[in-house]
Amino acid sequence: MATRRLKDELKKRLPFDSLEQEASLNLARTADRHNIAFARLFREYGLTSSQYNVLRILRGEGGPLPILEVAGRMVAAVPGITGLVDRLEAMGLVCRDRSTEDRRVVFASITPRGTALLGRLDRPVAELHGRLLGHLSKADLAELIRLLEMARQVDGDAD
């Protein structure tokens, strides 16, 4: 399979300013393509990517989780976790309960309806992962993971 260079995709006449710039833009372009593909998939099921992420976190936890903890586990930062949970609750996919020890803490948990929806999404999500990255060897995938993890280890990053 022939690969297209980002410079060609962007129809860029001049070279990139640096390898760091080229790598950053490659990362952004690839993430955008992946985000679009997943957004399309989730839209078919009436969800956004962020809503799917909340449901996935809650299912994985296996029990109630403080909403702020859910926010901290999100793949992509979301500014309004409360509104996100509000919408999922209105859809019947999560429920929330206030802590009995600290009334400021609100717990969210996935409902059976939310679990069922994720169950229907499991195979399509796995298939999409395969379509997007299945052409890479296991060694290439391991190297990609290693490099991305290294790239996120920056002094003063947003975490």
Protein backbone atom coordinates (compact mmCIF):
# COMPACT_ATOMS: atom_id res chain seq x y z
CA MET A 1 0.00 0.00 0.00
CA ALA A 2 1.50 3.31 -1.06
CA THR A 3 1.64 5.96 1.61
CA ARG A 4 0.90 9.60 0.93
CA ARG A 5 3.10 12.13 2.57
CA LEU A 6 1.38 14.85 4.57
CA LYS A 7 3.11 17.50 2.49
CA ASP A 8 1.32 16.09 -0.58
CA GLU A 9 -2.04 15.71 1.19
CA LEU A 10 -1.90 19.35 2.26
CA LYS A 11 -0.56 20.43 -1.16
CA LYS A 12 2.21 22.19 0.73
CA ARG A 13 4.76 23.81 -1.55
CA LEU A 14 7.37 24.72 1.04
CA PRO A 15 9.00 22.26 3.42
CA PHE A 16 7.83 22.03 7.01
CA ASP A 17 9.62 24.35 9.43
CA SER A 18 10.92 21.39 11.45
CA LEU A 19 10.56 17.66 11.95
CA GLU A 20 8.64 18.48 15.14
CA GLN A 21 6.14 20.52 13.13
CA GLU A 22 5.76 17.76 10.54
CA ALA A 23 5.27 15.13 13.25
CA SER A 24 2.76 17.30 15.13
CA LEU A 25 0.75 17.99 11.99
CA ASN A 26 0.84 14.29 11.03
CA LEU A 27 -0.47 13.43 14.47
CA ALA A 28 -3.23 16.05 14.24
CA ARG A 29 -4.24 14.95 10.73
CA THR A 30 -4.34 11.28 11.72
CA ALA A 31 -6.29 12.00 14.91
CA ASP A 32 -8.77 14.08 12.92
CA ARG A 33 -9.36 11.24 10.46
CA HIS A 34 -9.86 8.77 13.30
CA ASN A 35 -12.15 11.15 15.21
CA ILE A 36 -14.32 11.67 12.14
CA ALA A 37 -14.65 7.92 11.55
CA PHE A 38 -15.63 7.25 15.17
CA ALA A 39 -18.01 10.21 15.29
CA ARG A 40 -19.83 8.80 12.25
CA LEU A 41 -20.12 5.39 13.88
CA PHE A 42 -21.37 6.74 17.21
CA ARG A 43 -23.86 9.04 15.45
CA GLU A 44 -25.54 5.93 13.99
CA TYR A 45 -26.28 4.90 17.58
CA GLY A 46 -27.40 8.35 18.73
CA LEU A 47 -24.18 9.14 20.62
CA THR A 48 -21.26 11.52 20.43
CA SER A 49 -17.70 10.33 20.94
CA SER A 50 -17.65 11.92 24.40
CA GLN A 51 -20.89 10.22 25.39
CA TYR A 52 -19.51 6.87 24.23
CA ASN A 53 -16.37 7.52 26.25
CA VAL A 54 -18.38 8.20 29.43
CA LEU A 55 -20.37 5.00 28.95
CA ARG A 56 -17.20 3.00 28.30
CA ILE A 57 -15.59 4.36 31.48
CA LEU A 58 -18.65 3.58 33.59
CA ARG A 59 -19.03 0.06 32.18
CA GLY A 60 -15.35 -0.61 32.81
CA GLU A 61 -15.61 0.59 36.39
CA GLY A 62 -18.42 -1.84 37.14
CA GLY A 63 -20.06 0.48 39.67
CA PRO A 64 -20.74 4.12 40.52
CA LEU A 65 -17.95 6.59 39.89
CA PRO A 66 -17.71 10.25 40.94
CA ILE A 67 -18.48 12.43 37.93
CA LEU A 68 -15.21 14.35 38.32
CA GLU A 69 -13.35 11.03 38.24
CA VAL A 70 -15.11 10.21 34.98
CA ALA A 71 -13.93 13.56 33.61
CA GLY A 72 -10.34 12.73 34.57
CA ARG A 73 -10.48 9.41 32.71
CA MET A 74 -11.80 10.82 29.43
CA VAL A 75 -9.68 10.21 26.33
CA ALA A 76 -10.28 13.81 25.25
CA ALA A 77 -10.88 16.58 27.78
CA VAL A 78 -14.46 17.85 27.92
CA PRO A 79 -15.33 21.22 29.43
CA GLY A 80 -18.85 20.31 30.54
CA ILE A 81 -18.91 16.85 32.10
CA THR A 82 -22.07 17.72 34.04
CA GLY A 83 -23.98 18.58 30.87
CA LEU A 84 -22.66 15.46 29.19
CA VAL A 85 -23.92 13.30 32.05
CA ASP A 86 -27.23 15.25 32.03
CA ARG A 87 -27.80 14.27 28.40
CA LEU A 88 -26.88 10.63 29.02
CA GLU A 89 -29.23 10.54 32.00
CA ALA A 90 -32.06 12.03 29.89
CA MET A 91 -31.42 9.24 27.36
CA GLY A 92 -31.73 6.65 30.13
CA LEU A 93 -28.14 5.48 29.67
CA VAL A 94 -26.74 6.58 33.05
CA CYS A 95 -28.13 7.40 36.45
CA ARG A 96 -26.64 9.57 39.12
CA ASP A 97 -26.76 9.62 42.89
CA ARG A 98 -25.45 12.11 45.41
CA SER A 99 -22.95 10.83 47.96
CA THR A 100 -24.39 10.26 51.43
CA GLU A 101 -21.04 11.21 53.03
CA ASP A 102 -20.36 14.36 51.01
CA ARG A 103 -23.36 15.95 49.30
CA ARG A 104 -21.03 17.81 46.90
CA VAL A 105 -19.97 14.51 45.30
CA VAL A 106 -22.21 13.08 42.60
CA PHE A 107 -21.78 9.52 41.37
CA ALA A 108 -22.72 8.27 37.92
CA SER A 109 -23.33 4.69 36.90
CA ILE A 110 -24.32 3.03 33.67
CA THR A 111 -27.85 1.68 33.38
CA PRO A 112 -28.80 -1.67 31.85
CA ARG A 113 -29.94 0.29 28.78
CA GLY A 114 -26.48 1.93 28.55
CA THR A 115 -24.75 -1.43 28.94
CA ALA A 116 -26.93 -2.91 26.20
CA LEU A 117 -26.11 -0.04 23.86
CA LEU A 118 -22.38 -0.51 24.45
CA GLY A 119 -22.82 -4.22 23.83
CA ARG A 120 -24.26 -3.43 20.40
CA LEU A 121 -21.32 -1.10 19.74
CA ASP A 122 -18.52 -3.47 20.78
CA ARG A 123 -18.19 -5.26 17.44
CA PRO A 124 -18.52 -2.16 15.20
CA VAL A 125 -15.92 -0.32 17.34
CA ALA A 126 -13.50 -3.25 17.12
CA GLU A 127 -14.05 -3.47 13.36
CA LEU A 128 -13.37 0.25 12.97
CA HIS A 129 -10.15 -0.06 14.97
CA GLY A 130 -9.18 -2.82 12.55
CA ARG A 131 -10.05 -0.75 9.48
CA LEU A 132 -8.08 2.23 10.74
CA LEU A 133 -4.96 0.44 12.02
CA GLY A 134 -5.22 -3.21 10.96
CA HIS A 135 -2.81 -2.67 8.07
CA LEU A 136 0.03 -2.13 10.59
CA SER A 137 1.99 -5.07 11.92
CA LYS A 138 1.91 -5.90 15.64
CA ALA A 139 5.49 -4.61 15.87
CA ASP A 140 4.51 -1.36 14.14
CA LEU A 141 1.52 -0.94 16.47
CA ALA A 142 3.71 -1.53 19.53
CA GLU A 143 6.20 1.04 18.24
CA LEU A 144 3.42 3.53 17.49
CA ILE A 145 2.07 3.12 21.02
CA ARG A 146 5.56 3.56 22.48
CA LEU A 147 6.22 6.71 20.46
CA LEU A 148 2.83 8.26 21.24
CA GLU A 149 3.28 7.59 24.95
CA MET A 150 6.71 9.23 24.79
CA ALA A 151 5.28 12.21 22.88
CA ARG A 152 2.72 12.80 25.66
CA GLN A 153 5.46 13.00 28.31
CA VAL A 154 6.14 16.72 28.00
CA ASP A 155 7.00 19.05 30.86
CA GLY A 156 4.02 21.24 31.69
CA ASP A 157 1.54 19.26 29.59
CA ALA A 158 -2.19 19.79 30.06
CA ASP A 159 -2.64 16.88 32.49
